[in-house]
Amino acid sequence: MGSTGCVSFMFQEKGQIVIEKTDDMDEDELMMMALDAGAEDFVAEDEVFVVTTTPEDFGTVREALEANKLEFLEAEVKMIPDTYTAIDEETVVKFQKMLDALEDDEDVQDVYHNAEFPEGFEE
């Protein structure tokens, strides 16, 4: 994608639970609940909370959060990149076509990447 140098990046297998923010959620209480259950990290983003776990602790953390009647936008063990690379709007179109082609291939099970999409574009 127009890069002149070699970029090396690594992925780590992590459990990731994404919870949509609501007005009645207490961020500190939710963070303590997740960390007490064994989560590695808790991040508050604009519209969601992201709970990260080891693959081994994923089930325990998920069950603890479910027991507190929390619903998840996403909850899975997946490969998380150590770093992200921003791509421009022109590259997004090409990159998205490539992702679509890979995901449409019946032999491909999962696609992981470290592209950071510009604001307004979704993967």
PDB file of N, CA and C in Angstrom:
ATOM      1  N   MET A   1       0.807  -1.167   0.000  1.00  0.00           N
ATOM      2  CA  MET A   1       0.000   0.000   0.000  1.00  0.00           C
ATOM      3  C   MET A   1       0.865   1.251   0.000  1.00  0.00           C
ATOM      4  N   GLY A   2       1.842   1.252  -0.850  1.00  0.00           N
ATOM      5  CA  GLY A   2       2.635   2.438  -1.046  1.00  0.00           C
ATOM      6  C   GLY A   2       3.751   2.621  -0.032  1.00  0.00           C
ATOM      7  N   SER A   3       4.036   1.625   0.791  1.00  0.00           N
ATOM      8  CA  SER A   3       5.064   1.753   1.798  1.00  0.00           C
ATOM      9  C   SER A   3       6.417   1.422   1.194  1.00  0.00           C
ATOM     10  N   THR A   4       7.438   2.217   1.546  1.00  0.00           N
ATOM     11  CA  THR A   4       8.775   1.973   1.024  1.00  0.00           C
ATOM     12  C   THR A   4       9.618   1.140   1.962  1.00  0.00           C
ATOM     13  N   GLY A   5       9.200   1.023   3.213  1.00  0.00           N
ATOM     14  CA  GLY A   5       9.971   0.260   4.184  1.00  0.00           C
ATOM     15  C   GLY A   5       9.242  -1.009   4.576  1.00  0.00           C
ATOM     16  N   CYS A   6       9.930  -1.838   5.298  1.00  0.00           N
ATOM     17  CA  CYS A   6       9.341  -3.081   5.795  1.00  0.00           C
ATOM     18  C   CYS A   6       8.745  -2.802   7.171  1.00  0.00           C
ATOM     19  N   VAL A   7       7.493  -3.133   7.337  1.00  0.00           N
ATOM     20  CA  VAL A   7       6.831  -2.934   8.615  1.00  0.00           C
ATOM     21  C   VAL A   7       6.594  -4.302   9.241  1.00  0.00           C
ATOM     22  N   SER A   8       7.046  -4.453  10.448  1.00  0.00           N
ATOM     23  CA  SER A   8       6.870  -5.707  11.155  1.00  0.00           C
ATOM     24  C   SER A   8       5.845  -5.492  12.264  1.00  0.00           C
ATOM     25  N   PHE A   9       4.867  -6.371  12.335  1.00  0.00           N
ATOM     26  CA  PHE A   9       3.900  -6.277  13.411  1.00  0.00           C
ATOM     27  C   PHE A   9       3.541  -7.662  13.890  1.00  0.00           C
ATOM     28  N   MET A  10       3.102  -7.719  15.101  1.00  0.00           N
ATOM     29  CA  MET A  10       2.763  -8.992  15.715  1.00  0.00           C
ATOM     30  C   MET A  10       1.326  -8.939  16.216  1.00  0.00           C
ATOM     31  N   PHE A  11       0.744 -10.108  16.316  1.00  0.00           N
ATOM     32  CA  PHE A  11      -0.590 -10.253  16.859  1.00  0.00           C
ATOM     33  C   PHE A  11      -0.506 -11.111  18.115  1.00  0.00           C
ATOM     34  N   GLN A  12      -1.404 -10.850  19.044  1.00  0.00           N
ATOM     35  CA  GLN A  12      -1.507 -11.678  20.236  1.00  0.00           C
ATOM     36  C   GLN A  12      -2.929 -12.207  20.334  1.00  0.00           C
ATOM     37  N   GLU A  13      -3.051 -13.448  20.727  1.00  0.00           N
ATOM     38  CA  GLU A  13      -4.379 -14.011  20.934  1.00  0.00           C
ATOM     39  C   GLU A  13      -4.907 -13.489  22.270  1.00  0.00           C
ATOM     40  N   LYS A  14      -6.064 -12.837  22.206  1.00  0.00           N
ATOM     41  CA  LYS A  14      -6.680 -12.243  23.390  1.00  0.00           C
ATOM     42  C   LYS A  14      -8.185 -12.439  23.344  1.00  0.00           C
ATOM     43  N   GLY A  15      -8.785 -12.499  24.504  1.00  0.00           N
ATOM     44  CA  GLY A  15     -10.230 -12.440  24.592  1.00  0.00           C
ATOM     45  C   GLY A  15     -10.625 -10.976  24.580  1.00  0.00           C
ATOM     46  N   GLN A  16     -11.683 -10.653  23.854  1.00  0.00           N
ATOM     47  CA  GLN A  16     -12.134  -9.259  23.807  1.00  0.00           C
ATOM     48  C   GLN A  16     -13.652  -9.224  23.937  1.00  0.00           C
ATOM     49  N   ILE A  17     -14.111  -8.441  24.898  1.00  0.00           N
ATOM     50  CA  ILE A  17     -15.539  -8.272  25.143  1.00  0.00           C
ATOM     51  C   ILE A  17     -15.848  -6.791  24.977  1.00  0.00           C
ATOM     52  N   VAL A  18     -16.781  -6.483  24.072  1.00  0.00           N
ATOM     53  CA  VAL A  18     -17.151  -5.093  23.799  1.00  0.00           C
ATOM     54  C   VAL A  18     -18.565  -4.875  24.318  1.00  0.00           C
ATOM     55  N   ILE A  19     -18.713  -3.864  25.178  1.00  0.00           N
ATOM     56  CA  ILE A  19     -19.993  -3.561  25.817  1.00  0.00           C
ATOM     57  C   ILE A  19     -20.395  -2.142  25.431  1.00  0.00           C
ATOM     58  N   GLU A  20     -21.608  -1.993  24.909  1.00  0.00           N
ATOM     59  CA  GLU A  20     -22.097  -0.660  24.549  1.00  0.00           C
ATOM     60  C   GLU A  20     -22.400   0.134  25.809  1.00  0.00           C
ATOM     61  N   LYS A  21     -21.955   1.401  25.826  1.00  0.00           N
ATOM     62  CA  LYS A  21     -22.217   2.265  26.974  1.00  0.00           C
ATOM     63  C   LYS A  21     -23.692   2.641  27.025  1.00  0.00           C
ATOM     64  N   THR A  22     -24.230   2.656  28.237  1.00  0.00           N
ATOM     65  CA  THR A  22     -25.579   3.170  28.457  1.00  0.00           C
ATOM     66  C   THR A  22     -25.512   4.164  29.604  1.00  0.00           C
ATOM     67  N   ASP A  23     -26.525   5.002  29.725  1.00  0.00           N
ATOM     68  CA  ASP A  23     -26.541   6.052  30.744  1.00  0.00           C
ATOM     69  C   ASP A  23     -26.532   5.500  32.174  1.00  0.00           C
ATOM     70  N   ASP A  24     -27.085   4.294  32.355  1.00  0.00           N
ATOM     71  CA  ASP A  24     -27.186   3.760  33.707  1.00  0.00           C
ATOM     72  C   ASP A  24     -25.972   2.934  34.134  1.00  0.00           C
ATOM     73  N   MET A  25     -24.929   2.866  33.298  1.00  0.00           N
ATOM     74  CA  MET A  25     -23.731   2.109  33.656  1.00  0.00           C
ATOM     75  C   MET A  25     -22.768   2.969  34.462  1.00  0.00           C
ATOM     76  N   ASP A  26     -22.209   2.374  35.491  1.00  0.00           N
ATOM     77  CA  ASP A  26     -21.186   3.029  36.281  1.00  0.00           C
ATOM     78  C   ASP A  26     -19.835   2.487  35.805  1.00  0.00           C
ATOM     79  N   GLU A  27     -19.033   3.332  35.169  1.00  0.00           N
ATOM     80  CA  GLU A  27     -17.772   2.894  34.573  1.00  0.00           C
ATOM     81  C   GLU A  27     -16.832   2.260  35.596  1.00  0.00           C
ATOM     82  N   ASP A  28     -16.683   2.883  36.766  1.00  0.00           N
ATOM     83  CA  ASP A  28     -15.781   2.347  37.790  1.00  0.00           C
ATOM     84  C   ASP A  28     -16.253   0.983  38.297  1.00  0.00           C
ATOM     85  N   GLU A  29     -17.559   0.853  38.488  1.00  0.00           N
ATOM     86  CA  GLU A  29     -18.113  -0.418  38.962  1.00  0.00           C
ATOM     87  C   GLU A  29     -17.909  -1.519  37.925  1.00  0.00           C
ATOM     88  N   LEU A  30     -18.148  -1.197  36.667  1.00  0.00           N
ATOM     89  CA  LEU A  30     -17.965  -2.163  35.588  1.00  0.00           C
ATOM     90  C   LEU A  30     -16.497  -2.558  35.457  1.00  0.00           C
ATOM     91  N   MET A  31     -15.601  -1.581  35.578  1.00  0.00           N
ATOM     92  CA  MET A  31     -14.172  -1.868  35.487  1.00  0.00           C
ATOM     93  C   MET A  31     -13.743  -2.804  36.615  1.00  0.00           C
ATOM     94  N   MET A  32     -14.166  -2.524  37.829  1.00  0.00           N
ATOM     95  CA  MET A  32     -13.796  -3.380  38.970  1.00  0.00           C
ATOM     96  C   MET A  32     -14.376  -4.784  38.815  1.00  0.00           C
ATOM     97  N   MET A  33     -15.604  -4.867  38.298  1.00  0.00           N
ATOM     98  CA  MET A  33     -16.237  -6.162  38.068  1.00  0.00           C
ATOM     99  C   MET A  33     -15.397  -6.987  37.089  1.00  0.00           C
ATOM    100  N   ALA A  34     -14.970  -6.357  35.993  1.00  0.00           N
ATOM    101  CA  ALA A  34     -14.190  -7.055  34.973  1.00  0.00           C
ATOM    102  C   ALA A  34     -12.817  -7.454  35.506  1.00  0.00           C
ATOM    103  N   LEU A  35     -12.138  -6.532  36.165  1.00  0.00           N
ATOM    104  CA  LEU A  35     -10.803  -6.826  36.675  1.00  0.00           C
ATOM    105  C   LEU A  35     -10.843  -7.876  37.784  1.00  0.00           C
ATOM    106  N   ASP A  36     -11.840  -7.809  38.660  1.00  0.00           N
ATOM    107  CA  ASP A  36     -11.992  -8.811  39.719  1.00  0.00           C
ATOM    108  C   ASP A  36     -12.246 -10.196  39.140  1.00  0.00           C
ATOM    109  N   ALA A  37     -12.890 -10.271  37.977  1.00  0.00           N
ATOM    110  CA  ALA A  37     -13.186 -11.555  37.342  1.00  0.00           C
ATOM    111  C   ALA A  37     -11.967 -12.120  36.616  1.00  0.00           C
ATOM    112  N   GLY A  38     -10.910 -11.292  36.460  1.00  0.00           N
ATOM    113  CA  GLY A  38      -9.689 -11.792  35.828  1.00  0.00           C
ATOM    114  C   GLY A  38      -9.298 -11.102  34.541  1.00  0.00           C
ATOM    115  N   ALA A  39      -9.984 -10.013  34.177  1.00  0.00           N
ATOM    116  CA  ALA A  39      -9.640  -9.288  32.946  1.00  0.00           C
ATOM    117  C   ALA A  39      -8.239  -8.692  33.065  1.00  0.00           C
ATOM    118  N   GLU A  40      -7.535  -8.608  31.931  1.00  0.00           N
ATOM    119  CA  GLU A  40      -6.210  -7.984  31.885  1.00  0.00           C
ATOM    120  C   GLU A  40      -6.311  -6.474  31.793  1.00  0.00           C
ATOM    121  N   ASP A  41      -7.326  -5.992  31.049  1.00  0.00           N
ATOM    122  CA  ASP A  41      -7.419  -4.569  30.780  1.00  0.00           C
ATOM    123  C   ASP A  41      -8.877  -4.172  30.593  1.00  0.00           C
ATOM    124  N   PHE A  42      -9.148  -2.903  30.851  1.00  0.00           N
ATOM    125  CA  PHE A  42     -10.477  -2.329  30.673  1.00  0.00           C
ATOM    126  C   PHE A  42     -10.269  -0.939  30.104  1.00  0.00           C
ATOM    127  N   VAL A  43     -10.867  -0.668  28.928  1.00  0.00           N
ATOM    128  CA  VAL A  43     -10.704   0.623  28.272  1.00  0.00           C
ATOM    129  C   VAL A  43     -12.077   1.213  27.980  1.00  0.00           C
ATOM    130  N   ALA A  44     -12.256   2.474  28.355  1.00  0.00           N
ATOM    131  CA  ALA A  44     -13.487   3.191  28.033  1.00  0.00           C
ATOM    132  C   ALA A  44     -13.236   4.001  26.774  1.00  0.00           C
ATOM    133  N   GLU A  45     -13.965   3.686  25.703  1.00  0.00           N
ATOM    134  CA  GLU A  45     -13.874   4.443  24.465  1.00  0.00           C
ATOM    135  C   GLU A  45     -15.104   5.334  24.364  1.00  0.00           C
ATOM    136  N   ASP A  46     -15.278   6.028  23.242  1.00  0.00           N
ATOM    137  CA  ASP A  46     -16.383   6.975  23.106  1.00  0.00           C
ATOM    138  C   ASP A  46     -17.747   6.343  23.370  1.00  0.00           C
ATOM    139  N   GLU A  47     -18.025   5.217  22.723  1.00  0.00           N
ATOM    140  CA  GLU A  47     -19.362   4.623  22.808  1.00  0.00           C
ATOM    141  C   GLU A  47     -19.394   3.236  23.414  1.00  0.00           C
ATOM    142  N   VAL A  48     -18.215   2.682  23.706  1.00  0.00           N
ATOM    143  CA  VAL A  48     -18.149   1.310  24.221  1.00  0.00           C
ATOM    144  C   VAL A  48     -17.085   1.175  25.299  1.00  0.00           C
ATOM    145  N   PHE A  49     -17.203   0.079  26.051  1.00  0.00           N
ATOM    146  CA  PHE A  49     -16.154  -0.368  26.959  1.00  0.00           C
ATOM    147  C   PHE A  49     -15.549  -1.613  26.326  1.00  0.00           C
ATOM    148  N   VAL A  50     -14.227  -1.730  26.382  1.00  0.00           N
ATOM    149  CA  VAL A  50     -13.542  -2.894  25.825  1.00  0.00           C
ATOM    150  C   VAL A  50     -12.796  -3.585  26.951  1.00  0.00           C
ATOM    151  N   VAL A  51     -13.158  -4.848  27.177  1.00  0.00           N
ATOM    152  CA  VAL A  51     -12.534  -5.668  28.208  1.00  0.00           C
ATOM    153  C   VAL A  51     -11.633  -6.672  27.496  1.00  0.00           C
ATOM    154  N   THR A  52     -10.360  -6.730  27.912  1.00  0.00           N
ATOM    155  CA  THR A  52      -9.399  -7.649  27.304  1.00  0.00           C
ATOM    156  C   THR A  52      -8.989  -8.683  28.336  1.00  0.00           C
ATOM    157  N   THR A  53      -8.898  -9.941  27.877  1.00  0.00           N
ATOM    158  CA  THR A  53      -8.531 -11.049  28.759  1.00  0.00           C
ATOM    159  C   THR A  53      -7.494 -11.932  28.075  1.00  0.00           C
ATOM    160  N   THR A  54      -6.905 -12.819  28.850  1.00  0.00           N
ATOM    161  CA  THR A  54      -6.124 -13.885  28.247  1.00  0.00           C
ATOM    162  C   THR A  54      -7.130 -14.879  27.664  1.00  0.00           C
ATOM    163  N   PRO A  55      -6.705 -15.700  26.709  1.00  0.00           N
ATOM    164  CA  PRO A  55      -7.643 -16.709  26.182  1.00  0.00           C
ATOM    165  C   PRO A  55      -8.152 -17.644  27.284  1.00  0.00           C
ATOM    166  N   GLU A  56      -7.279 -17.950  28.253  1.00  0.00           N
ATOM    167  CA  GLU A  56      -7.646 -18.867  29.336  1.00  0.00           C
ATOM    168  C   GLU A  56      -8.703 -18.274  30.269  1.00  0.00           C
ATOM    169  N   ASP A  57      -8.668 -16.962  30.492  1.00  0.00           N
ATOM    170  CA  ASP A  57      -9.604 -16.314  31.414  1.00  0.00           C
ATOM    171  C   ASP A  57     -10.862 -15.784  30.736  1.00  0.00           C
ATOM    172  N   PHE A  58     -10.925 -15.883  29.417  1.00  0.00           N
ATOM    173  CA  PHE A  58     -12.047 -15.312  28.666  1.00  0.00           C
ATOM    174  C   PHE A  58     -13.395 -15.828  29.163  1.00  0.00           C
ATOM    175  N   GLY A  59     -13.540 -17.142  29.283  1.00  0.00           N
ATOM    176  CA  GLY A  59     -14.818 -17.732  29.700  1.00  0.00           C
ATOM    177  C   GLY A  59     -15.246 -17.271  31.078  1.00  0.00           C
ATOM    178  N   THR A  60     -14.319 -17.230  32.010  1.00  0.00           N
ATOM    179  CA  THR A  60     -14.623 -16.804  33.377  1.00  0.00           C
ATOM    180  C   THR A  60     -15.085 -15.347  33.415  1.00  0.00           C
ATOM    181  N   VAL A  61     -14.365 -14.481  32.700  1.00  0.00           N
ATOM    182  CA  VAL A  61     -14.723 -13.061  32.686  1.00  0.00           C
ATOM    183  C   VAL A  61     -16.075 -12.866  32.006  1.00  0.00           C
ATOM    184  N   ARG A  62     -16.264 -13.551  30.879  1.00  0.00           N
ATOM    185  CA  ARG A  62     -17.538 -13.427  30.161  1.00  0.00           C
ATOM    186  C   ARG A  62     -18.703 -13.861  31.054  1.00  0.00           C
ATOM    187  N   GLU A  63     -18.552 -14.991  31.714  1.00  0.00           N
ATOM    188  CA  GLU A  63     -19.621 -15.490  32.584  1.00  0.00           C
ATOM    189  C   GLU A  63     -19.917 -14.529  33.731  1.00  0.00           C
ATOM    190  N   ALA A  64     -18.872 -13.931  34.308  1.00  0.00           N
ATOM    191  CA  ALA A  64     -19.066 -12.986  35.412  1.00  0.00           C
ATOM    192  C   ALA A  64     -19.835 -11.757  34.938  1.00  0.00           C
ATOM    193  N   LEU A  65     -19.505 -11.265  33.754  1.00  0.00           N
ATOM    194  CA  LEU A  65     -20.204 -10.096  33.216  1.00  0.00           C
ATOM    195  C   LEU A  65     -21.641 -10.446  32.827  1.00  0.00           C
ATOM    196  N   GLU A  66     -21.836 -11.636  32.243  1.00  0.00           N
ATOM    197  CA  GLU A  66     -23.190 -12.084  31.889  1.00  0.00           C
ATOM    198  C   GLU A  66     -24.056 -12.243  33.144  1.00  0.00           C
ATOM    199  N   ALA A  67     -23.449 -12.711  34.236  1.00  0.00           N
ATOM    200  CA  ALA A  67     -24.193 -12.901  35.491  1.00  0.00           C
ATOM    201  C   ALA A  67     -24.719 -11.569  36.024  1.00  0.00           C
ATOM    202  N   ASN A  68     -24.094 -10.486  35.600  1.00  0.00           N
ATOM    203  CA  ASN A  68     -24.538  -9.149  36.012  1.00  0.00           C
ATOM    204  C   ASN A  68     -25.423  -8.511  34.945  1.00  0.00           C
ATOM    205  N   LYS A  69     -26.004  -9.361  34.098  1.00  0.00           N
ATOM    206  CA  LYS A  69     -26.993  -8.941  33.092  1.00  0.00           C
ATOM    207  C   LYS A  69     -26.438  -7.977  32.038  1.00  0.00           C
ATOM    208  N   LEU A  70     -25.132  -8.061  31.765  1.00  0.00           N
ATOM    209  CA  LEU A  70     -24.549  -7.221  30.725  1.00  0.00           C
ATOM    210  C   LEU A  70     -24.688  -7.912  29.372  1.00  0.00           C
ATOM    211  N   GLU A  71     -24.976  -7.128  28.353  1.00  0.00           N
ATOM    212  CA  GLU A  71     -25.067  -7.649  26.995  1.00  0.00           C
ATOM    213  C   GLU A  71     -23.866  -7.144  26.218  1.00  0.00           C
ATOM    214  N   PHE A  72     -23.376  -7.992  25.295  1.00  0.00           N
ATOM    215  CA  PHE A  72     -22.156  -7.682  24.574  1.00  0.00           C
ATOM    216  C   PHE A  72     -22.431  -7.386  23.110  1.00  0.00           C
ATOM    217  N   LEU A  73     -21.719  -6.407  22.570  1.00  0.00           N
ATOM    218  CA  LEU A  73     -21.749  -6.172  21.129  1.00  0.00           C
ATOM    219  C   LEU A  73     -20.870  -7.210  20.446  1.00  0.00           C
ATOM    220  N   GLU A  74     -19.844  -7.628  21.165  1.00  0.00           N
ATOM    221  CA  GLU A  74     -18.897  -8.606  20.635  1.00  0.00           C
ATOM    222  C   GLU A  74     -18.246  -9.301  21.816  1.00  0.00           C
ATOM    223  N   ALA A  75     -18.025 -10.596  21.694  1.00  0.00           N
ATOM    224  CA  ALA A  75     -17.317 -11.343  22.732  1.00  0.00           C
ATOM    225  C   ALA A  75     -16.686 -12.554  22.074  1.00  0.00           C
ATOM    226  N   GLU A  76     -15.351 -12.502  21.921  1.00  0.00           N
ATOM    227  CA  GLU A  76     -14.666 -13.613  21.272  1.00  0.00           C
ATOM    228  C   GLU A  76     -13.178 -13.569  21.571  1.00  0.00           C
ATOM    229  N   VAL A  77     -12.535 -14.703  21.373  1.00  0.00           N
ATOM    230  CA  VAL A  77     -11.085 -14.773  21.430  1.00  0.00           C
ATOM    231  C   VAL A  77     -10.613 -14.566  20.010  1.00  0.00           C
ATOM    232  N   LYS A  78      -9.710 -13.598  19.820  1.00  0.00           N
ATOM    233  CA  LYS A  78      -9.240 -13.290  18.477  1.00  0.00           C
ATOM    234  C   LYS A  78      -7.816 -12.778  18.528  1.00  0.00           C
ATOM    235  N   MET A  79      -7.259 -12.545  17.369  1.00  0.00           N
ATOM    236  CA  MET A  79      -5.905 -12.025  17.258  1.00  0.00           C
ATOM    237  C   MET A  79      -5.967 -10.501  17.267  1.00  0.00           C
ATOM    238  N   ILE A  80      -5.258  -9.881  18.207  1.00  0.00           N
ATOM    239  CA  ILE A  80      -5.239  -8.430  18.370  1.00  0.00           C
ATOM    240  C   ILE A  80      -3.845  -7.937  17.994  1.00  0.00           C
ATOM    241  N   PRO A  81      -3.736  -6.950  17.086  1.00  0.00           N
ATOM    242  CA  PRO A  81      -2.397  -6.451  16.716  1.00  0.00           C
ATOM    243  C   PRO A  81      -1.765  -5.635  17.843  1.00  0.00           C
ATOM    244  N   ASP A  82      -0.443  -5.730  17.934  1.00  0.00           N
ATOM    245  CA  ASP A  82       0.291  -4.922  18.907  1.00  0.00           C
ATOM    246  C   ASP A  82       0.248  -3.447  18.529  1.00  0.00           C
ATOM    247  N   THR A  83       0.266  -3.163  17.231  1.00  0.00           N
ATOM    248  CA  THR A  83       0.214  -1.778  16.750  1.00  0.00           C
ATOM    249  C   THR A  83      -0.738  -1.705  15.563  1.00  0.00           C
ATOM    250  N   TYR A  84      -1.257  -0.516  15.336  1.00  0.00           N
ATOM    251  CA  TYR A  84      -2.145  -0.278  14.199  1.00  0.00           C
ATOM    252  C   TYR A  84      -1.465   0.670  13.219  1.00  0.00           C
ATOM    253  N   THR A  85      -1.827   0.557  11.937  1.00  0.00           N
ATOM    254  CA  THR A  85      -1.299   1.427  10.903  1.00  0.00           C
ATOM    255  C   THR A  85      -2.453   2.181  10.264  1.00  0.00           C
ATOM    256  N   ALA A  86      -2.391   3.498  10.321  1.00  0.00           N
ATOM    257  CA  ALA A  86      -3.451   4.320   9.731  1.00  0.00           C
ATOM    258  C   ALA A  86      -3.385   4.223   8.207  1.00  0.00           C
ATOM    259  N   ILE A  87      -4.558   4.111   7.583  1.00  0.00           N
ATOM    260  CA  ILE A  87      -4.624   4.112   6.121  1.00  0.00           C
ATOM    261  C   ILE A  87      -5.514   5.265   5.679  1.00  0.00           C
ATOM    262  N   ASP A  88      -5.214   5.801   4.495  1.00  0.00           N
ATOM    263  CA  ASP A  88      -5.972   6.954   4.007  1.00  0.00           C
ATOM    264  C   ASP A  88      -7.247   6.502   3.302  1.00  0.00           C
ATOM    265  N   GLU A  89      -8.099   7.458   2.954  1.00  0.00           N
ATOM    266  CA  GLU A  89      -9.408   7.154   2.368  1.00  0.00           C
ATOM    267  C   GLU A  89      -9.286   6.413   1.038  1.00  0.00           C
ATOM    268  N   GLU A  90      -8.301   6.759   0.228  1.00  0.00           N
ATOM    269  CA  GLU A  90      -8.113   6.078  -1.057  1.00  0.00           C
ATOM    270  C   GLU A  90      -7.742   4.609  -0.845  1.00  0.00           C
ATOM    271  N   THR A  91      -6.887   4.368   0.131  1.00  0.00           N
ATOM    272  CA  THR A  91      -6.458   3.003   0.421  1.00  0.00           C
ATOM    273  C   THR A  91      -7.580   2.185   1.037  1.00  0.00           C
ATOM    274  N   VAL A  92      -8.473   2.830   1.798  1.00  0.00           N
ATOM    275  CA  VAL A  92      -9.575   2.118   2.446  1.00  0.00           C
ATOM    276  C   VAL A  92     -10.411   1.361   1.416  1.00  0.00           C
ATOM    277  N   VAL A  93     -10.714   2.000   0.300  1.00  0.00           N
ATOM    278  CA  VAL A  93     -11.553   1.376  -0.723  1.00  0.00           C
ATOM    279  C   VAL A  93     -10.885   0.107  -1.253  1.00  0.00           C
ATOM    280  N   LYS A  94      -9.604   0.189  -1.574  1.00  0.00           N
ATOM    281  CA  LYS A  94      -8.874  -0.979  -2.075  1.00  0.00           C
ATOM    282  C   LYS A  94      -8.766  -2.059  -1.002  1.00  0.00           C
ATOM    283  N   PHE A  95      -8.459  -1.622   0.207  1.00  0.00           N
ATOM    284  CA  PHE A  95      -8.289  -2.561   1.307  1.00  0.00           C
ATOM    285  C   PHE A  95      -9.599  -3.279   1.612  1.00  0.00           C
ATOM    286  N   GLN A  96     -10.708  -2.544   1.589  1.00  0.00           N
ATOM    287  CA  GLN A  96     -12.007  -3.141   1.874  1.00  0.00           C
ATOM    288  C   GLN A  96     -12.378  -4.179   0.811  1.00  0.00           C
ATOM    289  N   LYS A  97     -12.052  -3.899  -0.452  1.00  0.00           N
ATOM    290  CA  LYS A  97     -12.305  -4.877  -1.518  1.00  0.00           C
ATOM    291  C   LYS A  97     -11.521  -6.163  -1.264  1.00  0.00           C
ATOM    292  N   MET A  98     -10.272  -6.009  -0.826  1.00  0.00           N
ATOM    293  CA  MET A  98      -9.456  -7.182  -0.533  1.00  0.00           C
ATOM    294  C   MET A  98     -10.047  -7.959   0.648  1.00  0.00           C
ATOM    295  N   LEU A  99     -10.444  -7.252   1.720  1.00  0.00           N
ATOM    296  CA  LEU A  99     -11.050  -7.922   2.869  1.00  0.00           C
ATOM    297  C   LEU A  99     -12.324  -8.662   2.479  1.00  0.00           C
ATOM    298  N   ASP A 100     -13.165  -8.019   1.668  1.00  0.00           N
ATOM    299  CA  ASP A 100     -14.405  -8.652   1.209  1.00  0.00           C
ATOM    300  C   ASP A 100     -14.120  -9.922   0.428  1.00  0.00           C
ATOM    301  N   ALA A 101     -13.115  -9.864  -0.442  1.00  0.00           N
ATOM    302  CA  ALA A 101     -12.758 -11.044  -1.249  1.00  0.00           C
ATOM    303  C   ALA A 101     -12.270 -12.174  -0.348  1.00  0.00           C
ATOM    304  N   LEU A 102     -11.453 -11.855   0.633  1.00  0.00           N
ATOM    305  CA  LEU A 102     -10.960 -12.879   1.555  1.00  0.00           C
ATOM    306  C   LEU A 102     -12.103 -13.480   2.367  1.00  0.00           C
ATOM    307  N   GLU A 103     -12.978 -12.633   2.881  1.00  0.00           N
ATOM    308  CA  GLU A 103     -14.084 -13.122   3.710  1.00  0.00           C
ATOM    309  C   GLU A 103     -15.104 -13.914   2.908  1.00  0.00           C
ATOM    310  N   ASP A 104     -15.213 -13.650   1.606  1.00  0.00           N
ATOM    311  CA  ASP A 104     -16.135 -14.388   0.750  1.00  0.00           C
ATOM    312  C   ASP A 104     -15.587 -15.756   0.344  1.00  0.00           C
ATOM    313  N   ASP A 105     -14.292 -15.970   0.499  1.00  0.00           N
ATOM    314  CA  ASP A 105     -13.664 -17.242   0.142  1.00  0.00           C
ATOM    315  C   ASP A 105     -14.036 -18.284   1.191  1.00  0.00           C
ATOM    316  N   GLU A 106     -14.642 -19.374   0.760  1.00  0.00           N
ATOM    317  CA  GLU A 106     -15.111 -20.390   1.712  1.00  0.00           C
ATOM    318  C   GLU A 106     -13.972 -21.088   2.452  1.00  0.00           C
ATOM    319  N   ASP A 107     -12.748 -20.998   1.934  1.00  0.00           N
ATOM    320  CA  ASP A 107     -11.609 -21.620   2.600  1.00  0.00           C
ATOM    321  C   ASP A 107     -11.004 -20.740   3.697  1.00  0.00           C
ATOM    322  N   VAL A 108     -11.410 -19.478   3.756  1.00  0.00           N
ATOM    323  CA  VAL A 108     -10.875 -18.546   4.750  1.00  0.00           C
ATOM    324  C   VAL A 108     -11.785 -18.558   5.971  1.00  0.00           C
ATOM    325  N   GLN A 109     -11.191 -18.819   7.135  1.00  0.00           N
ATOM    326  CA  GLN A 109     -11.987 -18.865   8.365  1.00  0.00           C
ATOM    327  C   GLN A 109     -12.059 -17.504   9.044  1.00  0.00           C
ATOM    328  N   ASP A 110     -10.927 -16.834   9.198  1.00  0.00           N
ATOM    329  CA  ASP A 110     -10.878 -15.539   9.865  1.00  0.00           C
ATOM    330  C   ASP A 110      -9.854 -14.650   9.175  1.00  0.00           C
ATOM    331  N   VAL A 111     -10.098 -13.346   9.197  1.00  0.00           N
ATOM    332  CA  VAL A 111      -9.167 -12.378   8.628  1.00  0.00           C
ATOM    333  C   VAL A 111      -8.818 -11.376   9.723  1.00  0.00           C
ATOM    334  N   TYR A 112      -7.528 -11.213   9.980  1.00  0.00           N
ATOM    335  CA  TYR A 112      -7.048 -10.252  10.967  1.00  0.00           C
ATOM    336  C   TYR A 112      -6.130  -9.266  10.270  1.00  0.00           C
ATOM    337  N   HIS A 113      -6.190  -8.013  10.667  1.00  0.00           N
ATOM    338  CA  HIS A 113      -5.316  -6.988  10.094  1.00  0.00           C
ATOM    339  C   HIS A 113      -5.039  -5.927  11.139  1.00  0.00           C
ATOM    340  N   ASN A 114      -4.103  -5.055  10.818  1.00  0.00           N
ATOM    341  CA  ASN A 114      -3.770  -3.985  11.758  1.00  0.00           C
ATOM    342  C   ASN A 114      -4.047  -2.609  11.153  1.00  0.00           C
ATOM    343  N   ALA A 115      -4.948  -2.545  10.186  1.00  0.00           N
ATOM    344  CA  ALA A 115      -5.293  -1.254   9.561  1.00  0.00           C
ATOM    345  C   ALA A 115      -6.186  -0.451  10.479  1.00  0.00           C
ATOM    346  N   GLU A 116      -5.880   0.820  10.593  1.00  0.00           N
ATOM    347  CA  GLU A 116      -6.715   1.745  11.350  1.00  0.00           C
ATOM    348  C   GLU A 116      -7.447   2.608  10.318  1.00  0.00           C
ATOM    349  N   PHE A 117      -8.755   2.413  10.229  1.00  0.00           N
ATOM    350  CA  PHE A 117      -9.563   3.104   9.236  1.00  0.00           C
ATOM    351  C   PHE A 117      -9.750   4.570   9.621  1.00  0.00           C
ATOM    352  N   PRO A 118      -9.813   5.473   8.637  1.00  0.00           N
ATOM    353  CA  PRO A 118     -10.086   6.883   8.940  1.00  0.00           C
ATOM    354  C   PRO A 118     -11.484   7.023   9.546  1.00  0.00           C
ATOM    355  N   GLU A 119     -11.692   8.077  10.299  1.00  0.00           N
ATOM    356  CA  GLU A 119     -12.996   8.324  10.916  1.00  0.00           C
ATOM    357  C   GLU A 119     -14.067   8.413   9.835  1.00  0.00           C
ATOM    358  N   GLY A 120     -15.201   7.792  10.064  1.00  0.00           N
ATOM    359  CA  GLY A 120     -16.283   7.811   9.098  1.00  0.00           C
ATOM    360  C   GLY A 120     -16.315   6.552   8.245  1.00  0.00           C
ATOM    361  N   PHE A 121     -15.248   5.759   8.277  1.00  0.00           N
ATOM    362  CA  PHE A 121     -15.205   4.502   7.527  1.00  0.00           C
ATOM    363  C   PHE A 121     -15.233   3.372   8.526  1.00  0.00           C
ATOM    364  N   GLU A 122     -16.009   2.370   8.209  1.00  0.00           N
ATOM    365  CA  GLU A 122     -16.070   1.215   9.085  1.00  0.00           C
ATOM    366  C   GLU A 122     -15.629  -0.016   8.341  1.00  0.00           C
ATOM    367  N   GLU A 123     -15.025  -0.906   9.064  1.00  0.00           N
ATOM    368  CA  GLU A 123     -14.535  -2.153   8.506  1.00  0.00           C
ATOM    369  C   GLU A 123     -15.691  -3.043   8.135  1.00  0.00           C
TER     370      GLU A 123
END
